[in-house]
C-alpha atoms as a PDB file:
ATOM      1  CA  MET A   1      -0.366 -24.717  -1.202  1.00  0.00           C
ATOM      2  CA  ASP A   2       2.405 -22.541  -2.650  1.00  0.00           C
ATOM      3  CA  GLN A   3       1.914 -23.124  -6.357  1.00  0.00           C
ATOM      4  CA  ILE A   4      -0.535 -24.937  -8.600  1.00  0.00           C
ATOM      5  CA  ALA A   5       0.267 -25.693 -12.242  1.00  0.00           C
ATOM      6  CA  ILE A   6      -2.411 -26.760 -14.721  1.00  0.00           C
ATOM      7  CA  ALA A   7      -1.128 -28.294 -17.954  1.00  0.00           C
ATOM      8  CA  VAL A   8      -3.479 -28.657 -20.925  1.00  0.00           C
ATOM      9  CA  THR A   9      -2.620 -30.201 -24.276  1.00  0.00           C
ATOM     10  CA  ASP A  10      -4.568 -28.813 -27.220  1.00  0.00           C
ATOM     11  CA  THR A  11      -4.609 -32.057 -29.196  1.00  0.00           C
ATOM     12  CA  HIS A  12      -7.671 -33.922 -30.412  1.00  0.00           C
ATOM     13  CA  THR A  13     -10.070 -31.149 -29.518  1.00  0.00           C
ATOM     14  CA  GLY A  14     -12.613 -32.611 -31.889  1.00  0.00           C
ATOM     15  CA  GLY A  15     -13.673 -29.157 -33.036  1.00  0.00           C
ATOM     16  CA  GLY A  16     -15.486 -28.428 -29.784  1.00  0.00           C
ATOM     17  CA  GLY A  17     -12.685 -26.434 -28.247  1.00  0.00           C
ATOM     18  CA  GLU A  18     -12.372 -28.705 -25.195  1.00  0.00           C
ATOM     19  CA  SER A  19      -9.184 -30.634 -24.518  1.00  0.00           C
ATOM     20  CA  SER A  20      -9.281 -34.409 -24.281  1.00  0.00           C
ATOM     21  CA  CYS A  21      -6.708 -34.515 -21.478  1.00  0.00           C
ATOM     22  CA  GLY A  22      -7.634 -35.236 -17.871  1.00  0.00           C
ATOM     23  CA  THR A  23      -8.658 -31.689 -16.966  1.00  0.00           C
ATOM     24  CA  ALA A  24     -11.481 -31.815 -19.526  1.00  0.00           C
ATOM     25  CA  TYR A  25     -13.249 -34.317 -17.310  1.00  0.00           C
ATOM     26  CA  LEU A  26     -13.001 -32.263 -14.138  1.00  0.00           C
ATOM     27  CA  PRO A  27     -16.207 -30.560 -12.993  1.00  0.00           C
ATOM     28  CA  GLU A  28     -16.261 -26.810 -13.541  1.00  0.00           C
ATOM     29  CA  GLU A  29     -16.562 -26.245  -9.775  1.00  0.00           C
ATOM     30  CA  CYS A  30     -13.325 -28.201  -9.264  1.00  0.00           C
ATOM     31  CA  ILE A  31     -11.471 -26.141 -11.878  1.00  0.00           C
ATOM     32  CA  ALA A  32     -12.764 -22.943 -10.262  1.00  0.00           C
ATOM     33  CA  SER A  33     -11.569 -24.155  -6.863  1.00  0.00           C
ATOM     34  CA  ILE A  34      -8.089 -24.822  -8.276  1.00  0.00           C
ATOM     35  CA  LEU A  35      -7.927 -21.432 -10.021  1.00  0.00           C
ATOM     36  CA  SER A  36      -8.891 -19.649  -6.799  1.00  0.00           C
ATOM     37  CA  PHE A  37      -5.487 -20.681  -5.389  1.00  0.00           C
ATOM     38  CA  THR A  38      -3.617 -18.961  -8.230  1.00  0.00           C
ATOM     39  CA  THR A  39      -3.516 -15.231  -9.020  1.00  0.00           C
ATOM     40  CA  PRO A  40      -5.829 -12.857 -10.915  1.00  0.00           C
ATOM     41  CA  ARG A  41      -3.359 -12.808 -13.794  1.00  0.00           C
ATOM     42  CA  ASP A  42      -3.259 -16.616 -13.949  1.00  0.00           C
ATOM     43  CA  ALA A  43      -7.052 -16.817 -13.879  1.00  0.00           C
ATOM     44  CA  CYS A  44      -7.321 -14.422 -16.824  1.00  0.00           C
ATOM     45  CA  ARG A  45      -4.750 -16.413 -18.792  1.00  0.00           C
ATOM     46  CA  SER A  46      -6.456 -19.720 -18.070  1.00  0.00           C
ATOM     47  CA  SER A  47      -9.725 -18.386 -19.518  1.00  0.00           C
ATOM     48  CA  LEU A  48      -8.107 -18.710 -22.963  1.00  0.00           C
ATOM     49  CA  VAL A  49      -7.697 -22.472 -22.620  1.00  0.00           C
ATOM     50  CA  SER A  50     -11.274 -23.510 -23.305  1.00  0.00           C
ATOM     51  CA  THR A  51     -14.879 -22.470 -22.814  1.00  0.00           C
ATOM     52  CA  MET A  52     -15.084 -24.523 -19.612  1.00  0.00           C
ATOM     53  CA  PHE A  53     -11.960 -22.856 -18.221  1.00  0.00           C
ATOM     54  CA  LYS A  54     -13.331 -19.430 -19.151  1.00  0.00           C
ATOM     55  CA  SER A  55     -16.577 -20.127 -17.324  1.00  0.00           C
ATOM     56  CA  ALA A  56     -14.680 -21.358 -14.271  1.00  0.00           C
ATOM     57  CA  ALA A  57     -12.159 -18.489 -14.379  1.00  0.00           C
ATOM     58  CA  ASP A  58     -14.950 -15.884 -14.499  1.00  0.00           C
ATOM     59  CA  SER A  59     -16.922 -17.398 -11.627  1.00  0.00           C
ATOM     60  CA  ASP A  60     -17.684 -15.538  -8.392  1.00  0.00           C
ATOM     61  CA  ALA A  61     -15.999 -18.339  -6.415  1.00  0.00           C
ATOM     62  CA  VAL A  62     -12.647 -17.478  -8.023  1.00  0.00           C
ATOM     63  CA  TRP A  63     -12.796 -13.680  -7.865  1.00  0.00           C
ATOM     64  CA  GLU A  64     -14.210 -13.451  -4.358  1.00  0.00           C
ATOM     65  CA  ARG A  65     -11.122 -15.376  -3.239  1.00  0.00           C
ATOM     66  CA  PHE A  66      -8.928 -12.706  -4.889  1.00  0.00           C
ATOM     67  CA  LEU A  67     -10.686  -9.872  -3.055  1.00  0.00           C
ATOM     68  CA  PRO A  68      -9.364  -8.940   0.405  1.00  0.00           C
ATOM     69  CA  PRO A  69     -11.265 -10.734   3.214  1.00  0.00           C
ATOM     70  CA  GLU A  70     -12.627  -7.424   4.512  1.00  0.00           C
ATOM     71  CA  TYR A  71     -13.853  -6.164   1.130  1.00  0.00           C
ATOM     72  CA  LYS A  72     -17.435  -5.817   2.385  1.00  0.00           C
ATOM     73  CA  THR A  73     -16.249  -3.555   5.190  1.00  0.00           C
ATOM     74  CA  LEU A  74     -14.162  -1.527   2.744  1.00  0.00           C
ATOM     75  CA  MET A  75     -17.151  -1.113   0.442  1.00  0.00           C
ATOM     76  CA  SER A  76     -19.171   0.274   3.350  1.00  0.00           C
ATOM     77  CA  LEU A  77     -16.458   2.908   3.951  1.00  0.00           C
ATOM     78  CA  LEU A  78     -16.641   4.307   0.418  1.00  0.00           C
ATOM     79  CA  PRO A  79     -18.417   7.618  -0.131  1.00  0.00           C
ATOM     80  CA  PRO A  80     -21.749   7.231  -1.988  1.00  0.00           C
ATOM     81  CA  ALA A  81     -20.220   8.740  -5.132  1.00  0.00           C
ATOM     82  CA  ASP A  82     -17.598   5.974  -5.176  1.00  0.00           C
ATOM     83  CA  SER A  83     -20.020   3.056  -4.800  1.00  0.00           C
ATOM     84  CA  PHE A  84     -19.642   0.350  -7.402  1.00  0.00           C
ATOM     85  CA  SER A  85     -22.583  -1.325  -9.095  1.00  0.00           C
ATOM     86  CA  CYS A  86     -21.259  -4.695 -10.254  1.00  0.00           C
ATOM     87  CA  SER A  87     -23.003  -7.820 -11.483  1.00  0.00           C
ATOM     88  CA  SER A  88     -20.141 -10.166 -10.593  1.00  0.00           C
ATOM     89  CA  MET A  89     -17.169 -10.504  -8.271  1.00  0.00           C
ATOM     90  CA  LYS A  90     -14.838 -10.136 -11.248  1.00  0.00           C
ATOM     91  CA  GLU A  91     -16.389  -6.777 -12.127  1.00  0.00           C
ATOM     92  CA  LEU A  92     -16.038  -5.697  -8.505  1.00  0.00           C
ATOM     93  CA  TYR A  93     -12.375  -6.726  -8.447  1.00  0.00           C
ATOM     94  CA  LEU A  94     -11.592  -4.945 -11.706  1.00  0.00           C
ATOM     95  CA  GLY A  95     -13.465  -1.861 -10.511  1.00  0.00           C
ATOM     96  CA  LEU A  96     -11.610  -1.637  -7.206  1.00  0.00           C
ATOM     97  CA  SER A  97      -8.205  -2.332  -8.764  1.00  0.00           C
ATOM     98  CA  GLY A  98      -8.672  -0.012 -11.737  1.00  0.00           C
ATOM     99  CA  TYR A  99     -10.251   2.952  -9.991  1.00  0.00           C
ATOM    100  CA  GLY A 100      -7.057   4.280  -8.406  1.00  0.00           C
ATOM    101  CA  PRO A 101      -6.628   5.370  -4.781  1.00  0.00           C
ATOM    102  CA  ILE A 102     -10.039   5.585  -3.089  1.00  0.00           C
ATOM    103  CA  LEU A 103     -10.512   7.935  -0.139  1.00  0.00           C
ATOM    104  CA  ILE A 104     -12.067   6.290   2.930  1.00  0.00           C
ATOM    105  CA  GLU A 105     -12.789   7.298   6.536  1.00  0.00           C
ATOM    106  CA  ASN A 106     -13.787  10.856   5.635  1.00  0.00           C
ATOM    107  CA  GLY A 107     -10.717  11.383   3.490  1.00  0.00           C
ATOM    108  CA  ARG A 108      -8.232  10.457   6.217  1.00  0.00           C
ATOM    109  CA  LYS A 109      -6.980   7.321   4.444  1.00  0.00           C
ATOM    110  CA  SER A 110      -6.771   6.031   0.900  1.00  0.00           C
ATOM    111  CA  PHE A 111      -7.189   2.461  -0.261  1.00  0.00           C
ATOM    112  CA  LEU A 112      -5.854   0.766  -3.390  1.00  0.00           C
ATOM    113  CA  LEU A 113      -6.121  -2.817  -4.618  1.00  0.00           C
ATOM    114  CA  GLU A 114      -3.155  -4.040  -6.659  1.00  0.00           C
ATOM    115  CA  ARG A 115      -4.592  -5.530  -9.845  1.00  0.00           C
ATOM    116  CA  PRO A 116      -1.908  -8.221 -10.502  1.00  0.00           C
ATOM    117  CA  SER A 117      -1.837  -9.586  -6.942  1.00  0.00           C
ATOM    118  CA  GLY A 118      -5.006  -8.505  -5.144  1.00  0.00           C
ATOM    119  CA  LYS A 119      -2.914  -7.116  -2.259  1.00  0.00           C
ATOM    120  CA  VAL A 120      -4.221  -4.021  -0.488  1.00  0.00           C
ATOM    121  CA  CYS A 121      -2.309  -0.748  -0.151  1.00  0.00           C
ATOM    122  CA  TYR A 122      -3.129   2.027   2.299  1.00  0.00           C
ATOM    123  CA  MET A 123      -1.953   5.581   2.714  1.00  0.00           C
ATOM    124  CA  LEU A 124      -2.471   7.454   5.967  1.00  0.00           C
ATOM    125  CA  SER A 125      -3.043  11.148   5.354  1.00  0.00           C
ATOM    126  CA  ALA A 126      -1.280  13.836   7.367  1.00  0.00           C
ATOM    127  CA  ARG A 127      -4.587  14.393   9.210  1.00  0.00           C
ATOM    128  CA  ASP A 128      -4.564  10.722  10.208  1.00  0.00           C
ATOM    129  CA  LEU A 129      -1.091  11.065  11.754  1.00  0.00           C
ATOM    130  CA  ALA A 130      -0.036  12.315  15.156  1.00  0.00           C
ATOM    131  CA  ILE A 131       2.213  15.317  14.382  1.00  0.00           C
ATOM    132  CA  VAL A 132       3.508  17.034  17.494  1.00  0.00           C
ATOM    133  CA  TRP A 133       2.576  20.750  17.641  1.00  0.00           C
ATOM    134  CA  SER A 134       0.398  20.537  14.507  1.00  0.00           C
ATOM    135  CA  ASN A 135      -2.846  21.394  16.316  1.00  0.00           C
ATOM    136  CA  LEU A 136      -1.523  23.877  18.880  1.00  0.00           C
ATOM    137  CA  SER A 137      -0.568  26.922  16.877  1.00  0.00           C
ATOM    138  CA  CYS A 138      -0.232  27.826  13.219  1.00  0.00           C
ATOM    139  CA  SER A 139       3.185  29.245  14.089  1.00  0.00           C
ATOM    140  CA  PHE A 140       4.514  25.632  14.116  1.00  0.00           C
ATOM    141  CA  TRP A 141       2.470  23.830  11.451  1.00  0.00           C
ATOM    142  CA  ARG A 142      -0.130  25.028   8.986  1.00  0.00           C
ATOM    143  CA  TRP A 143      -2.801  22.942   7.272  1.00  0.00           C
ATOM    144  CA  ILE A 144      -3.014  23.722   3.560  1.00  0.00           C
ATOM    145  CA  SER A 145      -4.527  22.293   0.368  1.00  0.00           C
ATOM    146  CA  LEU A 146      -2.423  21.382  -2.667  1.00  0.00           C
ATOM    147  CA  PRO A 147      -3.695  20.433  -6.133  1.00  0.00           C
ATOM    148  CA  ASP A 148      -1.333  17.437  -6.416  1.00  0.00           C
ATOM    149  CA  SER A 149      -2.373  15.884  -3.085  1.00  0.00           C
ATOM    150  CA  ARG A 150      -4.862  13.018  -2.985  1.00  0.00           C
ATOM    151  CA  PHE A 151      -6.123  14.273   0.395  1.00  0.00           C
ATOM    152  CA  PRO A 152      -8.037  17.474   1.218  1.00  0.00           C
ATOM    153  CA  GLU A 153      -5.227  18.767   3.449  1.00  0.00           C
ATOM    154  CA  VAL A 154      -1.499  18.385   3.991  1.00  0.00           C
ATOM    155  CA  ALA A 155       0.676  19.653   6.850  1.00  0.00           C
ATOM    156  CA  ARG A 156       3.246  22.359   6.096  1.00  0.00           C
ATOM    157  CA  LEU A 157       5.981  22.972   8.647  1.00  0.00           C
ATOM    158  CA  ASN A 158       6.571  26.615   9.530  1.00  0.00           C
ATOM    159  CA  ALA A 159       9.173  26.127  12.248  1.00  0.00           C
ATOM    160  CA  VAL A 160       9.911  23.558  14.990  1.00  0.00           C
ATOM    161  CA  TRP A 161      12.985  22.565  16.963  1.00  0.00           C
ATOM    162  CA  TRP A 162      12.276  18.856  16.791  1.00  0.00           C
ATOM    163  CA  LEU A 163      10.267  16.540  14.607  1.00  0.00           C
ATOM    164  CA  GLU A 164       7.873  13.849  15.823  1.00  0.00           C
ATOM    165  CA  ILE A 165       5.375  12.115  13.523  1.00  0.00           C
ATOM    166  CA  SER A 166       3.599   8.784  14.011  1.00  0.00           C
ATOM    167  CA  GLY A 167       0.683   6.825  12.613  1.00  0.00           C
ATOM    168  CA  THR A 168      -1.122   3.575  13.349  1.00  0.00           C
ATOM    169  CA  ILE A 169      -3.247   1.126  11.386  1.00  0.00           C
ATOM    170  CA  SER A 170      -4.803  -2.209  12.334  1.00  0.00           C
ATOM    171  CA  SER A 171      -2.705  -5.056  10.937  1.00  0.00           C
ATOM    172  CA  GLN A 172      -5.944  -6.873  10.131  1.00  0.00           C
ATOM    173  CA  MET A 173      -6.601  -4.296   7.400  1.00  0.00           C
ATOM    174  CA  LEU A 174      -3.461  -5.469   5.579  1.00  0.00           C
ATOM    175  CA  SER A 175      -3.178  -8.502   3.313  1.00  0.00           C
ATOM    176  CA  PRO A 176      -2.138 -11.662   5.183  1.00  0.00           C
ATOM    177  CA  GLU A 177       1.202 -13.386   4.601  1.00  0.00           C
ATOM    178  CA  THR A 178       2.531 -10.234   2.967  1.00  0.00           C
ATOM    179  CA  LEU A 179       5.691  -8.201   3.472  1.00  0.00           C
ATOM    180  CA  TYR A 180       4.857  -4.489   3.581  1.00  0.00           C
ATOM    181  CA  THR A 181       7.147  -1.486   3.244  1.00  0.00           C
ATOM    182  CA  ALA A 182       6.262   1.853   4.859  1.00  0.00           C
ATOM    183  CA  TYR A 183       7.235   5.175   3.275  1.00  0.00           C
ATOM    184  CA  LEU A 184       7.024   8.776   4.420  1.00  0.00           C
ATOM    185  CA  VAL A 185       5.619  10.838   1.535  1.00  0.00           C
ATOM    186  CA  TYR A 186       6.591  14.513   1.652  1.00  0.00           C
ATOM    187  CA  LYS A 187       8.060  17.545  -0.062  1.00  0.00           C
ATOM    188  CA  LEU A 188      10.746  20.068   0.835  1.00  0.00           C
ATOM    189  CA  THR A 189      10.088  23.646  -0.187  1.00  0.00           C
ATOM    190  CA  PRO A 190      12.902  25.818  -1.642  1.00  0.00           C
ATOM    191  CA  GLU A 191      13.082  27.533   1.779  1.00  0.00           C
ATOM    192  CA  ALA A 192      13.538  24.239   3.678  1.00  0.00           C
ATOM    193  CA  VAL A 193      16.308  24.192   6.280  1.00  0.00           C
ATOM    194  CA  GLY A 194      17.451  21.821   9.006  1.00  0.00           C
ATOM    195  CA  PHE A 195      17.163  18.529   7.095  1.00  0.00           C
ATOM    196  CA  ASP A 196      20.530  18.352   5.355  1.00  0.00           C
ATOM    197  CA  CYS A 197      22.785  17.605   8.313  1.00  0.00           C
ATOM    198  CA  GLN A 198      20.772  15.627  10.832  1.00  0.00           C
ATOM    199  CA  ALA A 199      19.158  12.204  10.627  1.00  0.00           C
ATOM    200  CA  VAL A 200      15.833  11.180  12.135  1.00  0.00           C
ATOM    201  CA  GLU A 201      15.067   7.820  13.705  1.00  0.00           C
ATOM    202  CA  VAL A 202      12.246   5.878  12.099  1.00  0.00           C
ATOM    203  CA  SER A 203      10.573   2.666  13.238  1.00  0.00           C
ATOM    204  CA  VAL A 204       7.925   0.203  12.085  1.00  0.00           C
ATOM    205  CA  GLY A 205       6.375  -2.473  14.290  1.00  0.00           C
ATOM    206  CA  LEU A 206       3.377  -3.640  16.296  1.00  0.00           C
ATOM    207  CA  VAL A 207       2.505  -1.585  19.358  1.00  0.00           C
ATOM    208  CA  GLY A 208       3.948  -3.309  22.404  1.00  0.00           C
ATOM    209  CA  SER A 209       6.459  -5.333  20.359  1.00  0.00           C
ATOM    210  CA  GLU A 210      10.006  -4.722  19.242  1.00  0.00           C
ATOM    211  CA  SER A 211      10.147  -2.399  16.242  1.00  0.00           C
ATOM    212  CA  CYS A 212      12.488  -2.272  13.274  1.00  0.00           C
ATOM    213  CA  LYS A 213      14.503   0.949  13.717  1.00  0.00           C
ATOM    214  CA  ARG A 214      16.863   2.828  11.437  1.00  0.00           C
ATOM    215  CA  SER A 215      18.106   6.353  10.742  1.00  0.00           C
ATOM    216  CA  VAL A 216      17.210   8.230   7.558  1.00  0.00           C
ATOM    217  CA  TYR A 217      17.834  11.651   6.072  1.00  0.00           C
ATOM    218  CA  LEU A 218      14.923  13.573   4.603  1.00  0.00           C
ATOM    219  CA  ASP A 219      17.095  15.830   2.482  1.00  0.00           C
ATOM    220  CA  ASP A 220      17.061  14.607  -1.129  1.00  0.00           C
ATOM    221  CA  SER A 221      20.629  15.678  -1.903  1.00  0.00           C
ATOM    222  CA  LYS A 222      23.866  13.748  -1.447  1.00  0.00           C
ATOM    223  CA  ARG A 223      25.080  16.151   1.237  1.00  0.00           C
ATOM    224  CA  GLY A 224      22.565  14.573   3.626  1.00  0.00           C
ATOM    225  CA  ASN A 225      24.811  11.525   4.042  1.00  0.00           C
ATOM    226  CA  PRO A 226      27.873  12.544   6.058  1.00  0.00           C
ATOM    227  CA  ALA A 227      28.815   8.894   6.644  1.00  0.00           C
ATOM    228  CA  GLY A 228      29.228   8.254   2.924  1.00  0.00           C
ATOM    229  CA  GLU A 229      27.015   6.782   0.217  1.00  0.00           C
ATOM    230  CA  ASP A 230      27.795   3.192   1.284  1.00  0.00           C
ATOM    231  CA  ASP A 231      26.386   3.689   4.781  1.00  0.00           C
ATOM    232  CA  PRO A 232      23.776   0.866   5.119  1.00  0.00           C
ATOM    233  CA  GLN A 233      21.620   3.086   7.342  1.00  0.00           C
ATOM    234  CA  TYR A 234      21.295   5.757   4.696  1.00  0.00           C
ATOM    235  CA  GLN A 235      18.048   5.691   2.758  1.00  0.00           C
ATOM    236  CA  GLN A 236      18.003   7.883  -0.325  1.00  0.00           C
ATOM    237  CA  PRO A 237      14.679   9.669  -0.870  1.00  0.00           C
ATOM    238  CA  TYR A 238      13.184   9.160  -4.311  1.00  0.00           C
ATOM    239  CA  GLU A 239      10.785  11.209  -6.369  1.00  0.00           C
ATOM    240  CA  ARG A 240       7.508   9.419  -7.065  1.00  0.00           C
ATOM    241  CA  ALA A 241       5.547   9.545 -10.304  1.00  0.00           C
ATOM    242  CA  ASP A 242       3.151  12.025  -8.658  1.00  0.00           C
ATOM    243  CA  GLY A 243       6.005  14.461  -7.914  1.00  0.00           C
ATOM    244  CA  TRP A 244       6.221  13.825  -4.156  1.00  0.00           C
ATOM    245  CA  LEU A 245       9.314  12.482  -2.405  1.00  0.00           C
ATOM    246  CA  GLU A 246       9.260   9.253  -0.454  1.00  0.00           C
ATOM    247  CA  VAL A 247      11.782   7.649   1.865  1.00  0.00           C
ATOM    248  CA  GLU A 248      11.618   4.085   3.152  1.00  0.00           C
ATOM    249  CA  LEU A 249      10.899   3.842   6.874  1.00  0.00           C
ATOM    250  CA  GLY A 250      10.990   0.070   7.345  1.00  0.00           C
ATOM    251  CA  GLU A 251       9.311  -3.253   6.673  1.00  0.00           C
ATOM    252  CA  TYR A 252       6.664  -5.349   8.388  1.00  0.00           C
ATOM    253  CA  PHE A 253       5.613  -8.923   7.599  1.00  0.00           C
ATOM    254  CA  ASN A 254       1.896  -9.285   8.226  1.00  0.00           C
ATOM    255  CA  LYS A 255       1.207 -12.875   9.246  1.00  0.00           C
ATOM    256  CA  GLY A 256      -2.520 -12.300   9.034  1.00  0.00           C
ATOM    257  CA  TYR A 257      -3.521 -13.928  12.303  1.00  0.00           C
ATOM    258  CA  ALA A 258      -1.595 -11.987  14.952  1.00  0.00           C
ATOM    259  CA  GLY A 259      -3.693  -8.811  14.911  1.00  0.00           C
ATOM    260  CA  GLY A 260      -2.731  -5.622  16.703  1.00  0.00           C
ATOM    261  CA  GLU A 261      -1.910  -2.037  15.829  1.00  0.00           C
ATOM    262  CA  LEU A 262       0.980  -1.363  13.474  1.00  0.00           C
ATOM    263  CA  GLU A 263       2.827   1.842  14.415  1.00  0.00           C
ATOM    264  CA  ILE A 264       5.077   3.833  12.085  1.00  0.00           C
ATOM    265  CA  SER A 265       7.055   6.731  13.555  1.00  0.00           C
ATOM    266  CA  VAL A 266       9.521   9.439  12.567  1.00  0.00           C
ATOM    267  CA  LEU A 267      11.366  10.906  15.545  1.00  0.00           C
ATOM    268  CA  GLU A 268      14.253  13.310  15.842  1.00  0.00           C
ATOM    269  CA  ILE A 269      16.582  12.164  18.621  1.00  0.00           C
ATOM    270  CA  GLU A 270      19.137  14.989  18.686  1.00  0.00           C
ATOM    271  CA  ARG A 271      17.383  18.322  19.090  1.00  0.00           C
ATOM    272  CA  GLY A 272      18.847  21.741  18.556  1.00  0.00           C
ATOM    273  CA  HIS A 273      18.422  22.536  14.848  1.00  0.00           C
ATOM    274  CA  GLN A 274      15.428  24.547  13.767  1.00  0.00           C
ATOM    275  CA  LYS A 275      13.566  23.049  10.838  1.00  0.00           C
ATOM    276  CA  ARG A 276      11.096  24.487   8.372  1.00  0.00           C
ATOM    277  CA  GLY A 277       9.821  23.942   4.835  1.00  0.00           C
ATOM    278  CA  LEU A 278       8.645  20.314   5.189  1.00  0.00           C
ATOM    279  CA  ILE A 279       5.252  19.365   3.698  1.00  0.00           C
ATOM    280  CA  VAL A 280       3.863  16.045   4.968  1.00  0.00           C
ATOM    281  CA  HIS A 281       1.527  14.218   2.597  1.00  0.00           C
ATOM    282  CA  GLY A 282       1.225  11.011   4.628  1.00  0.00           C
ATOM    283  CA  ILE A 283       2.597   7.504   5.208  1.00  0.00           C
ATOM    284  CA  ASP A 284       2.255   4.937   2.417  1.00  0.00           C
ATOM    285  CA  LEU A 285       2.030   1.176   3.116  1.00  0.00           C
ATOM    286  CA  ARG A 286       2.610  -1.028   0.064  1.00  0.00           C
ATOM    287  CA  PRO A 287       3.387  -4.727  -0.473  1.00  0.00           C
ATOM    288  CA  LYS A 288       7.070  -5.084  -1.209  1.00  0.00           C
ATOM    289  CA  GLN A 289       7.819  -6.041  -4.787  1.00  0.00           C
ATOM    290  CA  SER A 290      10.010  -9.110  -5.212  1.00  0.00           C
END
């Protein structure tokens, strides 16, 4: 069912606030069942129609449908300080969607529930990624803390000759029937070198399946696009509201029943240029906005 429209005519209310059209004779459970196929925003709007609609729109049956299927598992992953005490599913939904990014799995991931849609967003921290050379010697990468990071640590690049970063997440953690976009979230320090003249190959796809591949430049200046601004492969990094840069790595449509591990990677193909001054915050996975 792609779309459900409920039309109510506010004529002949008889002073009781209930409409005399056909929907007034539907049981409240039936109205709640219909509203559960809409969106959180539609449910809130429908509560203004009548007292019966408000009761149906506020019911647990409606708001539990808006929560992600694995919400009980997600609640168990929250630190004790982030536990929510809610008397209804609507309160739980509003709490999860209004709280902001919530750290889970010992601060290695963050979780966010989009309030308008109920879709889940995840960000994999740098510690949750596989960064080649990051755990061998501090001469290559160094783990530091920054006040504007949502995670306890980020990875700062001292010097490497090639770049290789990847991360995985179970596709079952993502919202079903949803197109996701993956972004690398990072910064370049004033001393950064090696990113203005060479692209990196990025890919997004299920492990063991064909991935969507493209080339991107991490430098946030125009000189990072030697092929010209109209090159379809060129992805311009953008500055986020939190001050970090992000560049699009690719898209993945989560069917919701396939399962498997989604892998996102950043790999330098042509080696030979030393690089330094990159700070990796993580990889962000968000539903694509239409």
